[in-house]
Amino acid sequence: MSQENEETGNAQKGIDPAKFFNEKEYNTIKIGDETTAKKKEDAGKDLVSLLTSKIIGEKDLALALLKKEKALPVLLDAIKASKNPKNKALLVAACWECGMDFRPHLEFFAELAHDEDLFVSIEAITVLSENTPGLDAKQAQQLINILSKGAGGHFNEALINDAVEGLKALL
């Protein structure tokens, strides 16, 4: 359906499309064509705002939108740009909560498993465990190598070792 037809249909239903861009009533996040670091950082902040919303169902809608729009790059960019550990953990959690396939990016999450923030580490390990079905032996071994290199002495050492054991089962 073209935007013009959609707007005409909405107008016939009594829905003014402009209201969806009213920041006082709705949170709007634009996905795609974000090129500058500032725009990516702003998109990450908007995404965090949606994911932490107290409005019933807004988080679920945000997760569904991420999956529908295949916004995996937006989510990864937001994680990389996030300097606040609480927000970073929230964004990493969104990766497994939205149900998208992050297998091509599991090395990134294996590195995050060693993060100095407890919750970022736990959420990264969860992303790994949710995306290991279907991995080939070569990728499993790469993840084992990354996870094993810094697990000793890490406060999440037991969870990291559990993830390694799960990956070894794929070999």
N, C-alpha and C. Protein backbone atom coordinates (compact mmCIF):
# COMPACT_ATOMS: atom_id res chain seq x y z
N MET A 1 0.86 -1.17 0.00
CA MET A 1 0.00 0.00 0.00
C MET A 1 0.90 1.23 0.00
N SER A 2 0.62 2.15 -0.90
CA SER A 2 1.43 3.36 -0.97
C SER A 2 1.14 4.24 0.24
N GLN A 3 2.07 5.13 0.52
CA GLN A 3 1.90 6.03 1.66
C GLN A 3 0.67 6.91 1.46
N GLU A 4 0.44 7.35 0.20
CA GLU A 4 -0.72 8.21 -0.07
C GLU A 4 -2.01 7.44 0.19
N ASN A 5 -2.10 6.20 -0.31
CA ASN A 5 -3.29 5.38 -0.08
C ASN A 5 -3.48 5.10 1.40
N GLU A 6 -2.38 4.84 2.09
CA GLU A 6 -2.44 4.57 3.53
C GLU A 6 -2.94 5.80 4.28
N GLU A 7 -2.41 6.98 3.91
CA GLU A 7 -2.85 8.21 4.57
C GLU A 7 -4.32 8.49 4.28
N THR A 8 -4.75 8.24 3.04
CA THR A 8 -6.16 8.43 2.68
C THR A 8 -7.04 7.48 3.49
N GLY A 9 -6.59 6.21 3.59
CA GLY A 9 -7.33 5.23 4.37
C GLY A 9 -7.40 5.61 5.83
N ASN A 10 -6.30 6.12 6.38
CA ASN A 10 -6.28 6.56 7.77
C ASN A 10 -7.19 7.76 7.97
N ALA A 11 -7.20 8.68 6.99
CA ALA A 11 -8.04 9.87 7.10
C ALA A 11 -9.51 9.47 7.09
N GLN A 12 -9.86 8.47 6.26
CA GLN A 12 -11.23 8.00 6.22
C GLN A 12 -11.63 7.35 7.54
N LYS A 13 -10.67 6.76 8.23
CA LYS A 13 -10.93 6.13 9.53
C LYS A 13 -10.88 7.16 10.65
N GLY A 14 -10.59 8.39 10.33
CA GLY A 14 -10.50 9.43 11.35
C GLY A 14 -9.16 9.47 12.07
N ILE A 15 -8.14 8.88 11.47
CA ILE A 15 -6.80 8.86 12.06
C ILE A 15 -5.92 9.85 11.34
N ASP A 16 -5.37 10.79 12.08
CA ASP A 16 -4.47 11.77 11.50
C ASP A 16 -3.04 11.25 11.66
N PRO A 17 -2.36 10.86 10.55
CA PRO A 17 -1.01 10.31 10.65
C PRO A 17 -0.02 11.24 11.33
N ALA A 18 -0.25 12.53 11.29
CA ALA A 18 0.67 13.48 11.91
C ALA A 18 0.74 13.29 13.42
N LYS A 19 -0.32 12.75 14.01
CA LYS A 19 -0.33 12.58 15.46
C LYS A 19 0.74 11.58 15.93
N PHE A 20 1.13 10.66 15.05
CA PHE A 20 2.13 9.69 15.44
C PHE A 20 3.52 10.31 15.61
N PHE A 21 3.69 11.52 15.14
CA PHE A 21 4.96 12.22 15.28
C PHE A 21 4.92 13.25 16.41
N ASN A 22 3.85 13.26 17.16
CA ASN A 22 3.73 14.13 18.33
C ASN A 22 4.50 13.48 19.47
N GLU A 23 5.64 14.06 19.82
CA GLU A 23 6.52 13.47 20.83
C GLU A 23 5.89 13.40 22.21
N LYS A 24 4.85 14.19 22.46
CA LYS A 24 4.19 14.15 23.77
C LYS A 24 3.27 12.95 23.90
N GLU A 25 2.80 12.43 22.75
CA GLU A 25 1.86 11.30 22.78
C GLU A 25 2.50 9.97 22.40
N TYR A 26 3.51 10.00 21.54
CA TYR A 26 4.09 8.78 21.02
C TYR A 26 5.61 8.86 21.00
N ASN A 27 6.25 7.70 21.20
CA ASN A 27 7.68 7.59 20.99
C ASN A 27 7.87 7.06 19.58
N THR A 28 8.61 7.77 18.78
CA THR A 28 8.85 7.36 17.41
C THR A 28 10.33 7.16 17.22
N ILE A 29 10.69 6.01 16.65
CA ILE A 29 12.09 5.76 16.31
C ILE A 29 12.14 5.47 14.82
N LYS A 30 13.02 6.15 14.14
CA LYS A 30 13.17 5.95 12.70
C LYS A 30 14.32 4.99 12.51
N ILE A 31 14.06 3.94 11.75
CA ILE A 31 15.07 2.90 11.53
C ILE A 31 15.56 3.00 10.10
N GLY A 32 16.87 2.94 9.95
CA GLY A 32 17.48 2.96 8.62
C GLY A 32 18.03 4.33 8.28
N ASP A 33 18.91 4.36 7.32
CA ASP A 33 19.52 5.56 6.78
C ASP A 33 20.11 6.49 7.84
N GLU A 34 20.59 5.93 8.93
CA GLU A 34 21.26 6.72 9.96
C GLU A 34 22.76 6.64 9.66
N THR A 35 23.38 7.75 9.32
CA THR A 35 24.76 7.67 8.87
C THR A 35 25.77 8.28 9.84
N THR A 36 25.38 9.27 10.59
CA THR A 36 26.36 9.91 11.45
C THR A 36 26.35 9.26 12.84
N ALA A 37 27.47 9.38 13.52
CA ALA A 37 27.57 8.81 14.86
C ALA A 37 26.54 9.43 15.80
N LYS A 38 26.29 10.72 15.66
CA LYS A 38 25.31 11.41 16.50
C LYS A 38 23.91 10.84 16.28
N LYS A 39 23.55 10.63 15.02
CA LYS A 39 22.23 10.07 14.74
C LYS A 39 22.12 8.65 15.28
N LYS A 40 23.19 7.87 15.19
CA LYS A 40 23.18 6.51 15.72
C LYS A 40 23.04 6.54 17.24
N GLU A 41 23.75 7.46 17.87
CA GLU A 41 23.66 7.60 19.33
C GLU A 41 22.24 8.00 19.73
N ASP A 42 21.65 8.94 18.99
CA ASP A 42 20.28 9.36 19.27
C ASP A 42 19.30 8.21 19.08
N ALA A 43 19.50 7.42 18.02
CA ALA A 43 18.63 6.26 17.79
C ALA A 43 18.75 5.28 18.94
N GLY A 44 19.97 5.10 19.44
CA GLY A 44 20.18 4.22 20.59
C GLY A 44 19.46 4.73 21.82
N LYS A 45 19.51 6.04 22.04
CA LYS A 45 18.80 6.63 23.18
C LYS A 45 17.30 6.47 23.04
N ASP A 46 16.80 6.67 21.82
CA ASP A 46 15.36 6.48 21.58
C ASP A 46 14.97 5.03 21.81
N LEU A 47 15.81 4.12 21.38
CA LEU A 47 15.54 2.70 21.56
C LEU A 47 15.52 2.34 23.03
N VAL A 48 16.49 2.85 23.79
CA VAL A 48 16.52 2.61 25.23
C VAL A 48 15.25 3.17 25.87
N SER A 49 14.83 4.35 25.44
CA SER A 49 13.62 4.96 25.97
C SER A 49 12.41 4.06 25.74
N LEU A 50 12.30 3.51 24.56
CA LEU A 50 11.18 2.61 24.26
C LEU A 50 11.26 1.33 25.08
N LEU A 51 12.46 0.79 25.23
CA LEU A 51 12.62 -0.47 25.94
C LEU A 51 12.42 -0.34 27.45
N THR A 52 12.57 0.89 27.96
CA THR A 52 12.37 1.11 29.40
C THR A 52 11.05 1.79 29.70
N SER A 53 10.22 1.94 28.69
CA SER A 53 8.95 2.64 28.85
C SER A 53 8.08 1.97 29.91
N LYS A 54 7.39 2.78 30.66
CA LYS A 54 6.44 2.29 31.67
C LYS A 54 5.05 2.07 31.07
N ILE A 55 4.89 2.44 29.81
CA ILE A 55 3.62 2.27 29.13
C ILE A 55 3.46 0.79 28.79
N ILE A 56 2.35 0.21 29.22
CA ILE A 56 2.10 -1.21 29.03
C ILE A 56 2.18 -1.57 27.54
N GLY A 57 2.98 -2.56 27.23
CA GLY A 57 3.08 -3.07 25.88
C GLY A 57 4.04 -2.34 24.97
N GLU A 58 4.54 -1.19 25.38
CA GLU A 58 5.42 -0.42 24.49
C GLU A 58 6.74 -1.15 24.22
N LYS A 59 7.28 -1.81 25.26
CA LYS A 59 8.51 -2.57 25.07
C LYS A 59 8.28 -3.70 24.07
N ASP A 60 7.17 -4.41 24.21
CA ASP A 60 6.87 -5.50 23.28
C ASP A 60 6.71 -4.99 21.86
N LEU A 61 6.08 -3.84 21.71
CA LEU A 61 5.92 -3.24 20.38
C LEU A 61 7.29 -2.85 19.80
N ALA A 62 8.17 -2.32 20.64
CA ALA A 62 9.50 -1.94 20.18
C ALA A 62 10.28 -3.18 19.73
N LEU A 63 10.19 -4.26 20.50
CA LEU A 63 10.89 -5.50 20.12
C LEU A 63 10.33 -6.08 18.83
N ALA A 64 9.01 -6.05 18.69
CA ALA A 64 8.37 -6.55 17.47
C ALA A 64 8.77 -5.70 16.27
N LEU A 65 8.85 -4.38 16.46
CA LEU A 65 9.26 -3.49 15.38
C LEU A 65 10.70 -3.76 14.96
N LEU A 66 11.57 -3.97 15.94
CA LEU A 66 12.97 -4.28 15.62
C LEU A 66 13.05 -5.53 14.74
N LYS A 67 12.28 -6.56 15.13
CA LYS A 67 12.31 -7.81 14.37
C LYS A 67 11.69 -7.62 12.98
N LYS A 68 10.55 -6.96 12.92
CA LYS A 68 9.85 -6.76 11.65
C LYS A 68 10.71 -5.99 10.66
N GLU A 69 11.37 -4.96 11.16
CA GLU A 69 12.20 -4.10 10.30
C GLU A 69 13.60 -4.66 10.08
N LYS A 70 13.87 -5.82 10.67
CA LYS A 70 15.21 -6.43 10.56
C LYS A 70 16.28 -5.41 10.94
N ALA A 71 16.06 -4.80 12.10
CA ALA A 71 16.90 -3.69 12.54
C ALA A 71 18.10 -4.15 13.36
N LEU A 72 18.62 -5.31 13.03
CA LEU A 72 19.78 -5.84 13.72
C LEU A 72 20.95 -4.86 13.71
N PRO A 73 21.28 -4.22 12.56
CA PRO A 73 22.39 -3.26 12.57
C PRO A 73 22.15 -2.07 13.51
N VAL A 74 20.91 -1.61 13.59
CA VAL A 74 20.60 -0.49 14.47
C VAL A 74 20.85 -0.88 15.92
N LEU A 75 20.44 -2.09 16.28
CA LEU A 75 20.62 -2.58 17.64
C LEU A 75 22.11 -2.76 17.96
N LEU A 76 22.86 -3.34 17.04
CA LEU A 76 24.30 -3.51 17.26
C LEU A 76 25.02 -2.17 17.38
N ASP A 77 24.65 -1.21 16.52
CA ASP A 77 25.26 0.12 16.60
C ASP A 77 24.93 0.80 17.92
N ALA A 78 23.70 0.62 18.39
CA ALA A 78 23.30 1.22 19.66
C ALA A 78 24.10 0.63 20.82
N ILE A 79 24.34 -0.68 20.77
CA ILE A 79 25.14 -1.33 21.81
C ILE A 79 26.56 -0.79 21.79
N LYS A 80 27.13 -0.71 20.62
CA LYS A 80 28.51 -0.22 20.49
C LYS A 80 28.65 1.23 20.92
N ALA A 81 27.62 2.03 20.70
CA ALA A 81 27.67 3.46 21.04
C ALA A 81 27.33 3.72 22.51
N SER A 82 26.71 2.76 23.17
CA SER A 82 26.25 2.97 24.54
C SER A 82 27.43 3.02 25.51
N LYS A 83 27.47 4.08 26.29
CA LYS A 83 28.51 4.23 27.30
C LYS A 83 27.99 3.89 28.70
N ASN A 84 26.69 3.90 28.85
CA ASN A 84 26.04 3.60 30.13
C ASN A 84 25.84 2.09 30.24
N PRO A 85 26.47 1.43 31.23
CA PRO A 85 26.35 -0.03 31.36
C PRO A 85 24.91 -0.53 31.51
N LYS A 86 24.08 0.22 32.21
CA LYS A 86 22.68 -0.19 32.38
C LYS A 86 21.96 -0.20 31.03
N ASN A 87 22.17 0.84 30.25
CA ASN A 87 21.55 0.91 28.92
C ASN A 87 22.13 -0.15 27.99
N LYS A 88 23.43 -0.37 28.08
CA LYS A 88 24.07 -1.38 27.24
C LYS A 88 23.48 -2.76 27.55
N ALA A 89 23.32 -3.07 28.82
CA ALA A 89 22.74 -4.36 29.21
C ALA A 89 21.32 -4.49 28.68
N LEU A 90 20.57 -3.42 28.74
CA LEU A 90 19.19 -3.41 28.24
C LEU A 90 19.16 -3.67 26.73
N LEU A 91 20.06 -3.04 26.01
CA LEU A 91 20.13 -3.24 24.56
C LEU A 91 20.58 -4.66 24.20
N VAL A 92 21.54 -5.20 24.95
CA VAL A 92 21.98 -6.57 24.70
C VAL A 92 20.84 -7.54 25.00
N ALA A 93 20.09 -7.28 26.07
CA ALA A 93 18.93 -8.12 26.39
C ALA A 93 17.91 -8.09 25.26
N ALA A 94 17.73 -6.94 24.64
CA ALA A 94 16.78 -6.81 23.53
C ALA A 94 17.16 -7.73 22.37
N CYS A 95 18.44 -8.05 22.26
CA CYS A 95 18.90 -8.92 21.17
C CYS A 95 18.30 -10.31 21.30
N TRP A 96 18.26 -10.85 22.50
CA TRP A 96 17.65 -12.18 22.63
C TRP A 96 16.14 -12.08 22.79
N GLU A 97 15.65 -10.98 23.34
CA GLU A 97 14.21 -10.83 23.53
C GLU A 97 13.45 -10.65 22.22
N CYS A 98 14.07 -10.04 21.23
CA CYS A 98 13.37 -9.79 19.96
C CYS A 98 13.37 -11.02 19.07
N GLY A 99 14.22 -11.99 19.35
CA GLY A 99 14.19 -13.24 18.61
C GLY A 99 14.85 -13.20 17.24
N MET A 100 15.65 -12.20 16.96
CA MET A 100 16.35 -12.16 15.67
C MET A 100 17.55 -13.10 15.70
N ASP A 101 18.05 -13.43 14.54
CA ASP A 101 19.19 -14.33 14.39
C ASP A 101 20.50 -13.52 14.46
N PHE A 102 21.22 -13.70 15.56
CA PHE A 102 22.47 -12.98 15.75
C PHE A 102 23.69 -13.87 15.52
N ARG A 103 23.50 -15.05 14.92
CA ARG A 103 24.63 -15.96 14.72
C ARG A 103 25.81 -15.34 13.98
N PRO A 104 25.60 -14.49 12.98
CA PRO A 104 26.77 -13.89 12.32
C PRO A 104 27.56 -12.93 13.22
N HIS A 105 27.00 -12.57 14.37
CA HIS A 105 27.64 -11.59 15.25
C HIS A 105 27.99 -12.16 16.63
N LEU A 106 28.03 -13.47 16.75
CA LEU A 106 28.25 -14.07 18.06
C LEU A 106 29.65 -13.81 18.62
N GLU A 107 30.62 -13.54 17.77
CA GLU A 107 31.96 -13.21 18.27
C GLU A 107 31.91 -11.89 19.07
N PHE A 108 31.11 -10.96 18.60
CA PHE A 108 30.91 -9.69 19.31
C PHE A 108 30.34 -9.96 20.71
N PHE A 109 29.35 -10.84 20.79
CA PHE A 109 28.73 -11.15 22.08
C PHE A 109 29.66 -11.98 22.97
N ALA A 110 30.50 -12.80 22.36
CA ALA A 110 31.49 -13.56 23.14
C ALA A 110 32.47 -12.59 23.81
N GLU A 111 32.84 -11.54 23.08
CA GLU A 111 33.70 -10.51 23.68
C GLU A 111 32.96 -9.79 24.81
N LEU A 112 31.68 -9.48 24.58
CA LEU A 112 30.88 -8.80 25.60
C LEU A 112 30.69 -9.66 26.85
N ALA A 113 30.81 -10.96 26.71
CA ALA A 113 30.68 -11.85 27.87
C ALA A 113 31.75 -11.53 28.91
N HIS A 114 32.84 -10.92 28.48
CA HIS A 114 33.93 -10.54 29.38
C HIS A 114 33.81 -9.10 29.89
N ASP A 115 32.69 -8.46 29.60
CA ASP A 115 32.49 -7.07 30.00
C ASP A 115 32.63 -6.93 31.52
N GLU A 116 33.07 -5.76 31.95
CA GLU A 116 33.26 -5.53 33.39
C GLU A 116 31.95 -5.28 34.13
N ASP A 117 30.85 -5.10 33.39
CA ASP A 117 29.55 -4.95 34.02
C ASP A 117 28.87 -6.32 34.09
N LEU A 118 28.40 -6.68 35.27
CA LEU A 118 27.77 -7.98 35.50
C LEU A 118 26.62 -8.24 34.54
N PHE A 119 25.73 -7.25 34.38
CA PHE A 119 24.53 -7.45 33.59
C PHE A 119 24.80 -7.49 32.09
N VAL A 120 25.75 -6.69 31.62
CA VAL A 120 26.13 -6.76 30.21
C VAL A 120 26.67 -8.16 29.92
N SER A 121 27.51 -8.65 30.80
CA SER A 121 28.10 -9.99 30.65
C SER A 121 27.02 -11.06 30.63
N ILE A 122 26.11 -11.03 31.58
CA ILE A 122 25.04 -12.04 31.64
C ILE A 122 24.16 -12.00 30.39
N GLU A 123 23.78 -10.81 29.97
CA GLU A 123 22.92 -10.70 28.78
C GLU A 123 23.65 -11.18 27.53
N ALA A 124 24.94 -10.90 27.42
CA ALA A 124 25.72 -11.37 26.27
C ALA A 124 25.79 -12.89 26.26
N ILE A 125 25.97 -13.50 27.41
CA ILE A 125 25.99 -14.96 27.51
C ILE A 125 24.63 -15.53 27.10
N THR A 126 23.56 -14.84 27.47
CA THR A 126 22.22 -15.29 27.08
C THR A 126 22.04 -15.22 25.57
N VAL A 127 22.53 -14.15 24.94
CA VAL A 127 22.45 -14.05 23.48
C VAL A 127 23.19 -15.23 22.85
N LEU A 128 24.36 -15.55 23.39
CA LEU A 128 25.12 -16.69 22.88
C LEU A 128 24.32 -17.99 23.00
N SER A 129 23.77 -18.23 24.17
CA SER A 129 23.06 -19.49 24.38
C SER A 129 21.79 -19.59 23.54
N GLU A 130 21.15 -18.47 23.27
CA GLU A 130 19.92 -18.46 22.46
C GLU A 130 20.22 -18.64 20.97
N ASN A 131 21.45 -18.40 20.57
CA ASN A 131 21.78 -18.44 19.14
C ASN A 131 22.73 -19.58 18.76
N THR A 132 23.04 -20.49 19.68
CA THR A 132 23.97 -21.57 19.35
C THR A 132 23.37 -22.70 18.54
N PRO A 133 22.05 -22.96 18.60
CA PRO A 133 21.53 -24.04 17.75
C PRO A 133 21.82 -23.75 16.28
N GLY A 134 22.35 -24.76 15.61
CA GLY A 134 22.64 -24.61 14.18
C GLY A 134 24.04 -24.10 13.87
N LEU A 135 24.86 -23.83 14.89
CA LEU A 135 26.23 -23.38 14.62
C LEU A 135 27.06 -24.53 14.07
N ASP A 136 27.99 -24.21 13.19
CA ASP A 136 28.90 -25.25 12.71
C ASP A 136 30.07 -25.35 13.68
N ALA A 137 30.83 -26.42 13.56
CA ALA A 137 31.93 -26.70 14.49
C ALA A 137 33.00 -25.60 14.46
N LYS A 138 33.26 -25.04 13.27
CA LYS A 138 34.28 -24.00 13.15
C LYS A 138 33.89 -22.75 13.95
N GLN A 139 32.64 -22.31 13.81
CA GLN A 139 32.20 -21.13 14.55
C GLN A 139 32.13 -21.42 16.05
N ALA A 140 31.70 -22.62 16.41
CA ALA A 140 31.67 -22.99 17.83
C ALA A 140 33.07 -22.92 18.42
N GLN A 141 34.07 -23.41 17.69
CA GLN A 141 35.45 -23.39 18.18
C GLN A 141 35.96 -21.95 18.32
N GLN A 142 35.61 -21.08 17.37
CA GLN A 142 36.01 -19.68 17.47
C GLN A 142 35.43 -19.04 18.73
N LEU A 143 34.17 -19.33 19.01
CA LEU A 143 33.53 -18.77 20.20
C LEU A 143 34.15 -19.33 21.47
N ILE A 144 34.48 -20.61 21.47
CA ILE A 144 35.15 -21.23 22.62
C ILE A 144 36.48 -20.53 22.88
N ASN A 145 37.23 -20.25 21.82
CA ASN A 145 38.53 -19.58 21.96
C ASN A 145 38.36 -18.19 22.56
N ILE A 146 37.38 -17.45 22.09
CA ILE A 146 37.15 -16.09 22.61
C ILE A 146 36.71 -16.14 24.07
N LEU A 147 35.77 -17.02 24.37
CA LEU A 147 35.26 -17.11 25.74
C LEU A 147 36.33 -17.60 26.72
N SER A 148 37.17 -18.51 26.27
CA SER A 148 38.18 -19.10 27.16
C SER A 148 39.34 -18.17 27.46
N LYS A 149 39.61 -17.23 26.55
CA LYS A 149 40.83 -16.42 26.71
C LYS A 149 40.80 -15.49 27.92
N GLY A 150 39.64 -15.12 28.41
CA GLY A 150 39.61 -14.20 29.54
C GLY A 150 38.70 -14.65 30.66
N ALA A 151 38.29 -15.91 30.64
CA ALA A 151 37.33 -16.38 31.64
C ALA A 151 37.93 -16.50 33.03
N GLY A 152 39.20 -16.86 33.10
CA GLY A 152 39.84 -17.05 34.40
C GLY A 152 39.84 -15.78 35.22
N GLY A 153 39.22 -15.82 36.38
CA GLY A 153 39.18 -14.67 37.27
C GLY A 153 38.03 -13.71 37.00
N HIS A 154 37.28 -13.90 35.94
CA HIS A 154 36.13 -13.04 35.67
C HIS A 154 35.02 -13.39 36.64
N PHE A 155 34.28 -12.39 37.10
CA PHE A 155 33.22 -12.64 38.08
C PHE A 155 32.10 -13.53 37.53
N ASN A 156 32.00 -13.64 36.22
CA ASN A 156 31.02 -14.53 35.59
C ASN A 156 31.70 -15.78 35.03
N GLU A 157 32.81 -16.16 35.61
CA GLU A 157 33.59 -17.29 35.12
C GLU A 157 32.75 -18.56 35.02
N ALA A 158 31.91 -18.83 36.00
CA ALA A 158 31.10 -20.05 35.98
C ALA A 158 30.13 -20.04 34.80
N LEU A 159 29.48 -18.90 34.55
CA LEU A 159 28.55 -18.82 33.42
C LEU A 159 29.28 -18.91 32.08
N ILE A 160 30.43 -18.29 32.01
CA ILE A 160 31.22 -18.35 30.78
C ILE A 160 31.66 -19.80 30.53
N ASN A 161 32.09 -20.49 31.58
CA ASN A 161 32.49 -21.89 31.43
C ASN A 161 31.31 -22.77 31.02
N ASP A 162 30.12 -22.48 31.54
CA ASP A 162 28.92 -23.21 31.12
C ASP A 162 28.65 -23.00 29.63
N ALA A 163 28.83 -21.76 29.17
CA ALA A 163 28.64 -21.47 27.74
C ALA A 163 29.66 -22.22 26.90
N VAL A 164 30.90 -22.28 27.38
CA VAL A 164 31.95 -23.02 26.68
C VAL A 164 31.59 -24.50 26.60
N GLU A 165 31.11 -25.06 27.70
CA GLU A 165 30.71 -26.47 27.70
C GLU A 165 29.57 -26.74 26.71
N GLY A 166 28.62 -25.81 26.65
CA GLY A 166 27.53 -25.95 25.69
C GLY A 166 28.03 -25.91 24.26
N LEU A 167 29.01 -25.07 24.00
CA LEU A 167 29.59 -24.98 22.66
C LEU A 167 30.42 -26.22 22.32
N LYS A 168 31.08 -26.79 23.32
CA LYS A 168 31.86 -28.00 23.09
C LYS A 168 30.98 -29.15 22.64
N ALA A 169 29.74 -29.15 23.09
CA ALA A 169 28.81 -30.19 22.70
C ALA A 169 28.51 -30.15 21.19
N LEU A 170 28.77 -29.01 20.57
CA LEU A 170 28.53 -28.87 19.13
C LEU A 170 29.69 -29.38 18.29
N LEU A 171 30.82 -29.64 18.93
CA LEU A 171 32.02 -30.09 18.20
C LEU A 171 31.93 -31.56 17.86
